[in-house]
């Protein structure tokens, strides 16, 4: 077997101001099962998000993107289950802002 690439959870977020506070709201979360790195996972998720939302550009429905590495577990009784976020390795989560 080859080396298994990590999976990522990519969240498309909006920021909503209310009563002098800024709230973050997840518009949609997409799991990328396998990608060489977070940047490539985000690019794949952007395409899926736009297709699912029926738009050309993800920025129409979200203000920023958050991504976290995850572990995907498989087994005979549960073919695909998510996951716990991986422990951070001294890095902050990748974010892409409009």
PDB file of N, CA and C in Angstrom:
ATOM      1  N   UNK A   1       0.830  -1.180   0.000  1.00  0.00           N
ATOM      2  CA  UNK A   1       0.000   0.000   0.000  1.00  0.00           C
ATOM      3  C   UNK A   1       0.875   1.244   0.000  1.00  0.00           C
ATOM      4  N   UNK A   2       0.371   2.311  -0.626  1.00  0.00           N
ATOM      5  CA  UNK A   2       1.078   3.581  -0.651  1.00  0.00           C
ATOM      6  C   UNK A   2       0.771   4.393   0.589  1.00  0.00           C
ATOM      7  N   UNK A   3       1.377   5.543   0.627  1.00  0.00           N
ATOM      8  CA  UNK A   3       1.148   6.450   1.747  1.00  0.00           C
ATOM      9  C   UNK A   3      -0.237   7.073   1.611  1.00  0.00           C
ATOM     10  N   UNK A   4      -0.996   7.052   2.682  1.00  0.00           N
ATOM     11  CA  UNK A   4      -2.340   7.617   2.667  1.00  0.00           C
ATOM     12  C   UNK A   4      -2.249   9.125   2.873  1.00  0.00           C
ATOM     13  N   UNK A   5      -2.909   9.875   1.982  1.00  0.00           N
ATOM     14  CA  UNK A   5      -2.927  11.325   2.123  1.00  0.00           C
ATOM     15  C   UNK A   5      -3.966  11.716   3.165  1.00  0.00           C
ATOM     16  N   UNK A   6      -3.728  12.826   3.843  1.00  0.00           N
ATOM     17  CA  UNK A   6      -4.666  13.252   4.883  1.00  0.00           C
ATOM     18  C   UNK A   6      -5.985  13.744   4.301  1.00  0.00           C
ATOM     19  N   UNK A   7      -7.019  13.689   5.117  1.00  0.00           N
ATOM     20  CA  UNK A   7      -8.310  14.260   4.764  1.00  0.00           C
ATOM     21  C   UNK A   7      -8.450  15.620   5.425  1.00  0.00           C
ATOM     22  N   UNK A   8      -9.377  16.421   4.901  1.00  0.00           N
ATOM     23  CA  UNK A   8      -9.580  17.769   5.431  1.00  0.00           C
ATOM     24  C   UNK A   8     -11.066  18.095   5.495  1.00  0.00           C
ATOM     25  N   UNK A   9     -11.451  18.864   6.498  1.00  0.00           N
ATOM     26  CA  UNK A   9     -12.796  19.437   6.575  1.00  0.00           C
ATOM     27  C   UNK A   9     -12.644  20.910   6.227  1.00  0.00           C
ATOM     28  N   UNK A  10     -13.361  21.343   5.184  1.00  0.00           N
ATOM     29  CA  UNK A  10     -13.287  22.720   4.713  1.00  0.00           C
ATOM     30  C   UNK A  10     -14.635  23.377   4.997  1.00  0.00           C
ATOM     31  N   UNK A  11     -14.613  24.451   5.784  1.00  0.00           N
ATOM     32  CA  UNK A  11     -15.846  25.152   6.164  1.00  0.00           C
ATOM     33  C   UNK A  11     -15.902  26.509   5.485  1.00  0.00           C
ATOM     34  N   UNK A  12     -17.014  26.782   4.845  1.00  0.00           N
ATOM     35  CA  UNK A  12     -17.255  28.064   4.188  1.00  0.00           C
ATOM     36  C   UNK A  12     -18.063  28.917   5.152  1.00  0.00           C
ATOM     37  N   UNK A  13     -17.473  30.021   5.561  1.00  0.00           N
ATOM     38  CA  UNK A  13     -17.997  30.821   6.667  1.00  0.00           C
ATOM     39  C   UNK A  13     -18.446  32.206   6.208  1.00  0.00           C
ATOM     40  N   UNK A  14     -19.407  32.757   6.939  1.00  0.00           N
ATOM     41  CA  UNK A  14     -19.796  34.155   6.820  1.00  0.00           C
ATOM     42  C   UNK A  14     -19.642  34.800   8.183  1.00  0.00           C
ATOM     43  N   UNK A  15     -19.438  36.084   8.180  1.00  0.00           N
ATOM     44  CA  UNK A  15     -19.369  36.848   9.417  1.00  0.00           C
ATOM     45  C   UNK A  15     -20.568  37.775   9.462  1.00  0.00           C
ATOM     46  N   UNK A  16     -21.328  37.701  10.546  1.00  0.00           N
ATOM     47  CA  UNK A  16     -22.569  38.462  10.676  1.00  0.00           C
ATOM     48  C   UNK A  16     -22.463  39.378  11.894  1.00  0.00           C
ATOM     49  N   UNK A  17     -22.533  40.697  11.679  1.00  0.00           N
ATOM     50  CA  UNK A  17     -22.486  41.620  12.819  1.00  0.00           C
ATOM     51  C   UNK A  17     -23.850  41.708  13.502  1.00  0.00           C
ATOM     52  N   UNK A  18     -23.844  41.607  14.820  1.00  0.00           N
ATOM     53  CA  UNK A  18     -25.064  41.733  15.643  1.00  0.00           C
ATOM     54  C   UNK A  18     -24.709  42.390  16.962  1.00  0.00           C
ATOM     55  N   UNK A  19     -25.363  43.497  17.280  1.00  0.00           N
ATOM     56  CA  UNK A  19     -25.183  44.141  18.588  1.00  0.00           C
ATOM     57  C   UNK A  19     -23.714  44.311  18.964  1.00  0.00           C
ATOM     58  N   UNK A  20     -22.962  44.913  18.108  1.00  0.00           N
ATOM     59  CA  UNK A  20     -21.541  45.187  18.350  1.00  0.00           C
ATOM     60  C   UNK A  20     -20.680  43.931  18.480  1.00  0.00           C
ATOM     61  N   UNK A  21     -21.194  42.799  18.042  1.00  0.00           N
ATOM     62  CA  UNK A  21     -20.418  41.560  18.037  1.00  0.00           C
ATOM     63  C   UNK A  21     -20.398  41.009  16.620  1.00  0.00           C
ATOM     64  N   UNK A  22     -19.364  40.251  16.314  1.00  0.00           N
ATOM     65  CA  UNK A  22     -19.239  39.612  15.009  1.00  0.00           C
ATOM     66  C   UNK A  22     -19.341  38.102  15.199  1.00  0.00           C
ATOM     67  N   UNK A  23     -20.360  37.509  14.593  1.00  0.00           N
ATOM     68  CA  UNK A  23     -20.578  36.071  14.711  1.00  0.00           C
ATOM     69  C   UNK A  23     -20.147  35.387  13.422  1.00  0.00           C
ATOM     70  N   UNK A  24     -19.516  34.242  13.576  1.00  0.00           N
ATOM     71  CA  UNK A  24     -19.155  33.425  12.411  1.00  0.00           C
ATOM     72  C   UNK A  24     -20.191  32.333  12.244  1.00  0.00           C
ATOM     73  N   UNK A  25     -20.619  32.168  11.014  1.00  0.00           N
ATOM     74  CA  UNK A  25     -21.652  31.190  10.686  1.00  0.00           C
ATOM     75  C   UNK A  25     -21.157  30.307   9.545  1.00  0.00           C
ATOM     76  N   UNK A  26     -21.196  28.995   9.739  1.00  0.00           N
ATOM     77  CA  UNK A  26     -20.777  28.063   8.693  1.00  0.00           C
ATOM     78  C   UNK A  26     -21.903  27.904   7.676  1.00  0.00           C
ATOM     79  N   UNK A  27     -21.627  28.250   6.431  1.00  0.00           N
ATOM     80  CA  UNK A  27     -22.605  28.105   5.356  1.00  0.00           C
ATOM     81  C   UNK A  27     -22.687  26.649   4.880  1.00  0.00           C
ATOM     82  N   UNK A  28     -21.534  26.013   4.795  1.00  0.00           N
ATOM     83  CA  UNK A  28     -21.465  24.619   4.344  1.00  0.00           C
ATOM     84  C   UNK A  28     -20.097  24.071   4.708  1.00  0.00           C
ATOM     85  N   UNK A  29     -20.072  22.812   5.075  1.00  0.00           N
ATOM     86  CA  UNK A  29     -18.832  22.123   5.390  1.00  0.00           C
ATOM     87  C   UNK A  29     -18.651  20.994   4.385  1.00  0.00           C
ATOM     88  N   UNK A  30     -17.481  20.905   3.805  1.00  0.00           N
ATOM     89  CA  UNK A  30     -17.194  19.867   2.807  1.00  0.00           C
ATOM     90  C   UNK A  30     -15.988  19.064   3.281  1.00  0.00           C
ATOM     91  N   UNK A  31     -16.104  17.747   3.232  1.00  0.00           N
ATOM     92  CA  UNK A  31     -14.991  16.866   3.595  1.00  0.00           C
ATOM     93  C   UNK A  31     -14.278  16.440   2.316  1.00  0.00           C
ATOM     94  N   UNK A  32     -12.997  16.696   2.283  1.00  0.00           N
ATOM     95  CA  UNK A  32     -12.131  16.215   1.196  1.00  0.00           C
ATOM     96  C   UNK A  32     -11.397  15.011   1.771  1.00  0.00           C
ATOM     97  N   UNK A  33     -11.685  13.854   1.233  1.00  0.00           N
ATOM     98  CA  UNK A  33     -11.156  12.608   1.811  1.00  0.00           C
ATOM     99  C   UNK A  33      -9.646  12.478   1.711  1.00  0.00           C
ATOM    100  N   UNK A  34      -9.072  13.046   0.652  1.00  0.00           N
ATOM    101  CA  UNK A  34      -7.649  12.852   0.447  1.00  0.00           C
ATOM    102  C   UNK A  34      -7.094  14.009  -0.391  1.00  0.00           C
ATOM    103  N   UNK A  35      -6.056  14.657   0.117  1.00  0.00           N
ATOM    104  CA  UNK A  35      -5.386  15.729  -0.614  1.00  0.00           C
ATOM    105  C   UNK A  35      -3.945  15.820  -0.124  1.00  0.00           C
ATOM    106  N   UNK A  36      -3.029  16.192  -1.015  1.00  0.00           N
ATOM    107  CA  UNK A  36      -1.624  16.286  -0.607  1.00  0.00           C
ATOM    108  C   UNK A  36      -1.376  17.324   0.483  1.00  0.00           C
ATOM    109  N   UNK A  37      -2.180  18.408   0.467  1.00  0.00           N
ATOM    110  CA  UNK A  37      -1.999  19.453   1.481  1.00  0.00           C
ATOM    111  C   UNK A  37      -3.291  20.262   1.608  1.00  0.00           C
ATOM    112  N   UNK A  38      -3.316  21.150   2.601  1.00  0.00           N
ATOM    113  CA  UNK A  38      -4.519  21.939   2.893  1.00  0.00           C
ATOM    114  C   UNK A  38      -4.904  22.841   1.718  1.00  0.00           C
ATOM    115  N   UNK A  39      -3.927  23.425   1.056  1.00  0.00           N
ATOM    116  CA  UNK A  39      -4.237  24.334  -0.055  1.00  0.00           C
ATOM    117  C   UNK A  39      -4.963  23.615  -1.182  1.00  0.00           C
ATOM    118  N   UNK A  40      -4.522  22.395  -1.505  1.00  0.00           N
ATOM    119  CA  UNK A  40      -5.180  21.645  -2.575  1.00  0.00           C
ATOM    120  C   UNK A  40      -6.561  21.169  -2.136  1.00  0.00           C
ATOM    121  N   UNK A  41      -6.707  20.861  -0.860  1.00  0.00           N
ATOM    122  CA  UNK A  41      -8.030  20.486  -0.340  1.00  0.00           C
ATOM    123  C   UNK A  41      -8.992  21.665  -0.463  1.00  0.00           C
ATOM    124  N   UNK A  42      -8.508  22.862  -0.132  1.00  0.00           N
ATOM    125  CA  UNK A  42      -9.347  24.061  -0.230  1.00  0.00           C
ATOM    126  C   UNK A  42      -9.767  24.307  -1.678  1.00  0.00           C
ATOM    127  N   UNK A  43      -8.850  24.161  -2.610  1.00  0.00           N
ATOM    128  CA  UNK A  43      -9.187  24.387  -4.020  1.00  0.00           C
ATOM    129  C   UNK A  43     -10.249  23.394  -4.496  1.00  0.00           C
ATOM    130  N   UNK A  44     -10.127  22.134  -4.098  1.00  0.00           N
ATOM    131  CA  UNK A  44     -11.125  21.128  -4.471  1.00  0.00           C
ATOM    132  C   UNK A  44     -12.475  21.456  -3.832  1.00  0.00           C
ATOM    133  N   UNK A  45     -12.453  21.878  -2.571  1.00  0.00           N
ATOM    134  CA  UNK A  45     -13.692  22.213  -1.862  1.00  0.00           C
ATOM    135  C   UNK A  45     -14.365  23.450  -2.468  1.00  0.00           C
ATOM    136  N   UNK A  46     -13.580  24.422  -2.903  1.00  0.00           N
ATOM    137  CA  UNK A  46     -14.143  25.623  -3.545  1.00  0.00           C
ATOM    138  C   UNK A  46     -14.976  25.228  -4.766  1.00  0.00           C
ATOM    139  N   UNK A  47     -14.436  24.326  -5.567  1.00  0.00           N
ATOM    140  CA  UNK A  47     -15.157  23.874  -6.766  1.00  0.00           C
ATOM    141  C   UNK A  47     -16.444  23.144  -6.385  1.00  0.00           C
ATOM    142  N   UNK A  48     -16.370  22.259  -5.388  1.00  0.00           N
ATOM    143  CA  UNK A  48     -17.570  21.528  -4.950  1.00  0.00           C
ATOM    144  C   UNK A  48     -18.608  22.473  -4.370  1.00  0.00           C
ATOM    145  N   UNK A  49     -18.162  23.435  -3.557  1.00  0.00           N
ATOM    146  CA  UNK A  49     -19.061  24.394  -2.934  1.00  0.00           C
ATOM    147  C   UNK A  49     -19.812  25.184  -4.008  1.00  0.00           C
ATOM    148  N   UNK A  50     -19.088  25.709  -4.973  1.00  0.00           N
ATOM    149  CA  UNK A  50     -19.717  26.493  -6.043  1.00  0.00           C
ATOM    150  C   UNK A  50     -20.730  25.645  -6.806  1.00  0.00           C
ATOM    151  N   UNK A  51     -20.377  24.403  -7.098  1.00  0.00           N
ATOM    152  CA  UNK A  51     -21.297  23.520  -7.823  1.00  0.00           C
ATOM    153  C   UNK A  51     -22.548  23.238  -6.986  1.00  0.00           C
ATOM    154  N   UNK A  52     -22.359  22.901  -5.714  1.00  0.00           N
ATOM    155  CA  UNK A  52     -23.500  22.596  -4.843  1.00  0.00           C
ATOM    156  C   UNK A  52     -24.411  23.807  -4.630  1.00  0.00           C
ATOM    157  N   UNK A  53     -23.822  25.003  -4.575  1.00  0.00           N
ATOM    158  CA  UNK A  53     -24.585  26.224  -4.351  1.00  0.00           C
ATOM    159  C   UNK A  53     -25.162  26.788  -5.656  1.00  0.00           C
ATOM    160  N   UNK A  54     -24.744  26.249  -6.784  1.00  0.00           N
ATOM    161  CA  UNK A  54     -25.229  26.735  -8.073  1.00  0.00           C
ATOM    162  C   UNK A  54     -24.699  28.117  -8.427  1.00  0.00           C
ATOM    163  N   UNK A  55     -23.435  28.368  -8.055  1.00  0.00           N
ATOM    164  CA  UNK A  55     -22.810  29.664  -8.313  1.00  0.00           C
ATOM    165  C   UNK A  55     -21.474  29.452  -9.006  1.00  0.00           C
ATOM    166  N   UNK A  56     -20.915  30.516  -9.561  1.00  0.00           N
ATOM    167  CA  UNK A  56     -19.615  30.407 -10.227  1.00  0.00           C
ATOM    168  C   UNK A  56     -18.450  30.581  -9.274  1.00  0.00           C
ATOM    169  N   UNK A  57     -18.643  31.428  -8.255  1.00  0.00           N
ATOM    170  CA  UNK A  57     -17.547  31.777  -7.359  1.00  0.00           C
ATOM    171  C   UNK A  57     -17.997  31.600  -5.916  1.00  0.00           C
ATOM    172  N   UNK A  58     -17.225  30.874  -5.127  1.00  0.00           N
ATOM    173  CA  UNK A  58     -17.579  30.595  -3.729  1.00  0.00           C
ATOM    174  C   UNK A  58     -17.771  31.869  -2.927  1.00  0.00           C
ATOM    175  N   UNK A  59     -17.109  32.961  -3.315  1.00  0.00           N
ATOM    176  CA  UNK A  59     -17.162  34.217  -2.565  1.00  0.00           C
ATOM    177  C   UNK A  59     -18.551  34.855  -2.584  1.00  0.00           C
ATOM    178  N   UNK A  60     -19.409  34.398  -3.466  1.00  0.00           N
ATOM    179  CA  UNK A  60     -20.777  34.927  -3.521  1.00  0.00           C
ATOM    180  C   UNK A  60     -21.556  34.526  -2.267  1.00  0.00           C
ATOM    181  N   UNK A  61     -21.285  33.342  -1.721  1.00  0.00           N
ATOM    182  CA  UNK A  61     -22.042  32.827  -0.573  1.00  0.00           C
ATOM    183  C   UNK A  61     -21.242  32.672   0.713  1.00  0.00           C
ATOM    184  N   UNK A  62     -19.966  33.049   0.700  1.00  0.00           N
ATOM    185  CA  UNK A  62     -19.151  32.918   1.916  1.00  0.00           C
ATOM    186  C   UNK A  62     -18.090  34.010   1.944  1.00  0.00           C
ATOM    187  N   UNK A  63     -17.691  34.387   3.159  1.00  0.00           N
ATOM    188  CA  UNK A  63     -16.699  35.444   3.321  1.00  0.00           C
ATOM    189  C   UNK A  63     -15.293  34.900   3.544  1.00  0.00           C
ATOM    190  N   UNK A  64     -15.209  33.712   4.143  1.00  0.00           N
ATOM    191  CA  UNK A  64     -13.892  33.140   4.401  1.00  0.00           C
ATOM    192  C   UNK A  64     -13.992  31.629   4.488  1.00  0.00           C
ATOM    193  N   UNK A  65     -12.828  31.010   4.461  1.00  0.00           N
ATOM    194  CA  UNK A  65     -12.737  29.550   4.491  1.00  0.00           C
ATOM    195  C   UNK A  65     -11.852  29.145   5.660  1.00  0.00           C
ATOM    196  N   UNK A  66     -12.290  28.127   6.390  1.00  0.00           N
ATOM    197  CA  UNK A  66     -11.461  27.524   7.428  1.00  0.00           C
ATOM    198  C   UNK A  66     -11.272  26.053   7.066  1.00  0.00           C
ATOM    199  N   UNK A  67     -10.080  25.541   7.303  1.00  0.00           N
ATOM    200  CA  UNK A  67      -9.803  24.140   6.985  1.00  0.00           C
ATOM    201  C   UNK A  67      -9.049  23.506   8.149  1.00  0.00           C
ATOM    202  N   UNK A  68      -9.393  22.249   8.412  1.00  0.00           N
ATOM    203  CA  UNK A  68      -8.684  21.502   9.447  1.00  0.00           C
ATOM    204  C   UNK A  68      -8.450  20.082   8.962  1.00  0.00           C
ATOM    205  N   UNK A  69      -7.275  19.528   9.271  1.00  0.00           N
ATOM    206  CA  UNK A  69      -7.017  18.131   8.922  1.00  0.00           C
ATOM    207  C   UNK A  69      -7.873  17.222   9.795  1.00  0.00           C
ATOM    208  N   UNK A  70      -8.320  16.130   9.220  1.00  0.00           N
ATOM    209  CA  UNK A  70      -9.140  15.162   9.951  1.00  0.00           C
ATOM    210  C   UNK A  70      -8.646  13.754   9.660  1.00  0.00           C
ATOM    211  N   UNK A  71      -9.028  12.848  10.510  1.00  0.00           N
ATOM    212  CA  UNK A  71      -8.738  11.432  10.299  1.00  0.00           C
ATOM    213  C   UNK A  71     -10.027  10.753   9.888  1.00  0.00           C
ATOM    214  N   UNK A  72      -9.972  10.003   8.815  1.00  0.00           N
ATOM    215  CA  UNK A  72     -11.128   9.247   8.359  1.00  0.00           C
ATOM    216  C   UNK A  72     -10.946   7.813   8.801  1.00  0.00           C
ATOM    217  N   UNK A  73     -11.983   7.250   9.380  1.00  0.00           N
ATOM    218  CA  UNK A  73     -11.921   5.873   9.854  1.00  0.00           C
ATOM    219  C   UNK A  73     -12.844   5.026   8.996  1.00  0.00           C
ATOM    220  N   UNK A  74     -12.364   3.861   8.624  1.00  0.00           N
ATOM    221  CA  UNK A  74     -13.199   2.937   7.877  1.00  0.00           C
ATOM    222  C   UNK A  74     -13.259   1.616   8.611  1.00  0.00           C
ATOM    223  N   UNK A  75     -14.319   0.902   8.394  1.00  0.00           N
ATOM    224  CA  UNK A  75     -14.484  -0.404   9.012  1.00  0.00           C
ATOM    225  C   UNK A  75     -15.627  -1.124   8.330  1.00  0.00           C
ATOM    226  N   UNK A  76     -15.756  -2.431   8.541  1.00  0.00           N
ATOM    227  CA  UNK A  76     -16.802  -3.191   7.842  1.00  0.00           C
ATOM    228  C   UNK A  76     -18.213  -2.737   8.214  1.00  0.00           C
ATOM    229  N   UNK A  77     -18.431  -2.339   9.463  1.00  0.00           N
ATOM    230  CA  UNK A  77     -19.778  -1.941   9.864  1.00  0.00           C
ATOM    231  C   UNK A  77     -20.069  -0.488   9.542  1.00  0.00           C
ATOM    232  N   UNK A  78     -19.048   0.311   9.266  1.00  0.00           N
ATOM    233  CA  UNK A  78     -19.222   1.724   8.975  1.00  0.00           C
ATOM    234  C   UNK A  78     -18.203   2.119   7.912  1.00  0.00           C
ATOM    235  N   UNK A  79     -18.579   2.083   6.634  1.00  0.00           N
ATOM    236  CA  UNK A  79     -17.616   2.276   5.559  1.00  0.00           C
ATOM    237  C   UNK A  79     -16.850   3.599   5.631  1.00  0.00           C
ATOM    238  N   UNK A  80     -17.495   4.650   6.078  1.00  0.00           N
ATOM    239  CA  UNK A  80     -16.784   5.917   6.219  1.00  0.00           C
ATOM    240  C   UNK A  80     -17.384   6.680   7.376  1.00  0.00           C
ATOM    241  N   UNK A  81     -16.553   6.978   8.327  1.00  0.00           N
ATOM    242  CA  UNK A  81     -17.044   7.809   9.409  1.00  0.00           C
ATOM    243  C   UNK A  81     -16.007   8.877   9.683  1.00  0.00           C
ATOM    244  N   UNK A  82     -16.494  10.014  10.109  1.00  0.00           N
ATOM    245  CA  UNK A  82     -15.600  11.094  10.448  1.00  0.00           C
ATOM    246  C   UNK A  82     -15.474  11.054  11.942  1.00  0.00           C
ATOM    247  N   UNK A  83     -14.641  11.191  12.519  1.00  0.00           N
ATOM    248  CA  UNK A  83     -13.363  11.784  12.514  1.00  0.00           C
ATOM    249  C   UNK A  83     -13.176  12.622  13.739  1.00  0.00           C
ATOM    250  N   UNK A  84     -12.022  12.724  14.032  1.00  0.00           N
ATOM    251  CA  UNK A  84     -11.590  13.685  15.035  1.00  0.00           C
ATOM    252  C   UNK A  84     -10.600  14.588  14.341  1.00  0.00           C
ATOM    253  N   UNK A  85     -10.643  15.858  14.652  1.00  0.00           N
ATOM    254  CA  UNK A  85      -9.585  16.713  14.106  1.00  0.00           C
ATOM    255  C   UNK A  85      -8.239  16.221  14.607  1.00  0.00           C
ATOM    256  N   UNK A  86      -7.257  16.280  13.760  1.00  0.00           N
ATOM    257  CA  UNK A  86      -5.915  15.907  14.170  1.00  0.00           C
ATOM    258  C   UNK A  86      -5.372  16.948  15.125  1.00  0.00           C
ATOM    259  N   UNK A  87      -4.502  16.516  15.972  1.00  0.00           N
ATOM    260  CA  UNK A  87      -3.856  17.460  16.894  1.00  0.00           C
ATOM    261  C   UNK A  87      -3.019  18.438  16.080  1.00  0.00           C
ATOM    262  N   UNK A  88      -3.141  19.730  16.368  1.00  0.00           N
ATOM    263  CA  UNK A  88      -2.359  20.713  15.623  1.00  0.00           C
ATOM    264  C   UNK A  88      -0.863  20.494  15.815  1.00  0.00           C
ATOM    265  N   UNK A  89      -0.119  20.736  14.768  1.00  0.00           N
ATOM    266  CA  UNK A  89       1.323  20.546  14.819  1.00  0.00           C
ATOM    267  C   UNK A  89       2.017  21.905  14.784  1.00  0.00           C
ATOM    268  N   UNK A  90       1.594  22.787  15.686  1.00  0.00           N
ATOM    269  CA  UNK A  90       2.223  24.097  15.761  1.00  0.00           C
ATOM    270  C   UNK A  90       1.783  25.054  14.669  1.00  0.00           C
ATOM    271  N   UNK A  91       0.730  24.709  13.929  1.00  0.00           N
ATOM    272  CA  UNK A  91       0.261  25.565  12.863  1.00  0.00           C
ATOM    273  C   UNK A  91      -1.144  26.031  13.175  1.00  0.00           C
ATOM    274  N   UNK A  92      -1.464  27.210  12.721  1.00  0.00           N
ATOM    275  CA  UNK A  92      -2.844  27.704  12.859  1.00  0.00           C
ATOM    276  C   UNK A  92      -3.642  27.197  11.676  1.00  0.00           C
ATOM    277  N   UNK A  93      -4.968  27.083  11.822  1.00  0.00           N
ATOM    278  CA  UNK A  93      -5.781  26.613  10.709  1.00  0.00           C
ATOM    279  C   UNK A  93      -5.637  27.551   9.502  1.00  0.00           C
ATOM    280  N   UNK A  94      -5.622  26.957   8.343  1.00  0.00           N
ATOM    281  CA  UNK A  94      -5.564  27.708   7.088  1.00  0.00           C
ATOM    282  C   UNK A  94      -6.854  28.498   6.944  1.00  0.00           C
ATOM    283  N   UNK A  95      -6.749  29.748   6.584  1.00  0.00           N
ATOM    284  CA  UNK A  95      -7.930  30.564   6.323  1.00  0.00           C
ATOM    285  C   UNK A  95      -7.723  31.312   5.026  1.00  0.00           C
ATOM    286  N   UNK A  96      -8.772  31.439   4.247  1.00  0.00           N
ATOM    287  CA  UNK A  96      -8.738  32.178   2.996  1.00  0.00           C
ATOM    288  C   UNK A  96      -9.849  33.205   3.065  1.00  0.00           C
ATOM    289  N   UNK A  97      -9.498  34.458   3.086  1.00  0.00           N
ATOM    290  CA  UNK A  97     -10.488  35.542   3.184  1.00  0.00           C
ATOM    291  C   UNK A  97     -10.702  36.174   1.828  1.00  0.00           C
ATOM    292  N   UNK A  98     -11.922  36.697   1.662  1.00  0.00           N
ATOM    293  CA  UNK A  98     -12.263  37.448   0.452  1.00  0.00           C
ATOM    294  C   UNK A  98     -11.515  38.759   0.480  1.00  0.00           C
TER     295      UNK A  98
END
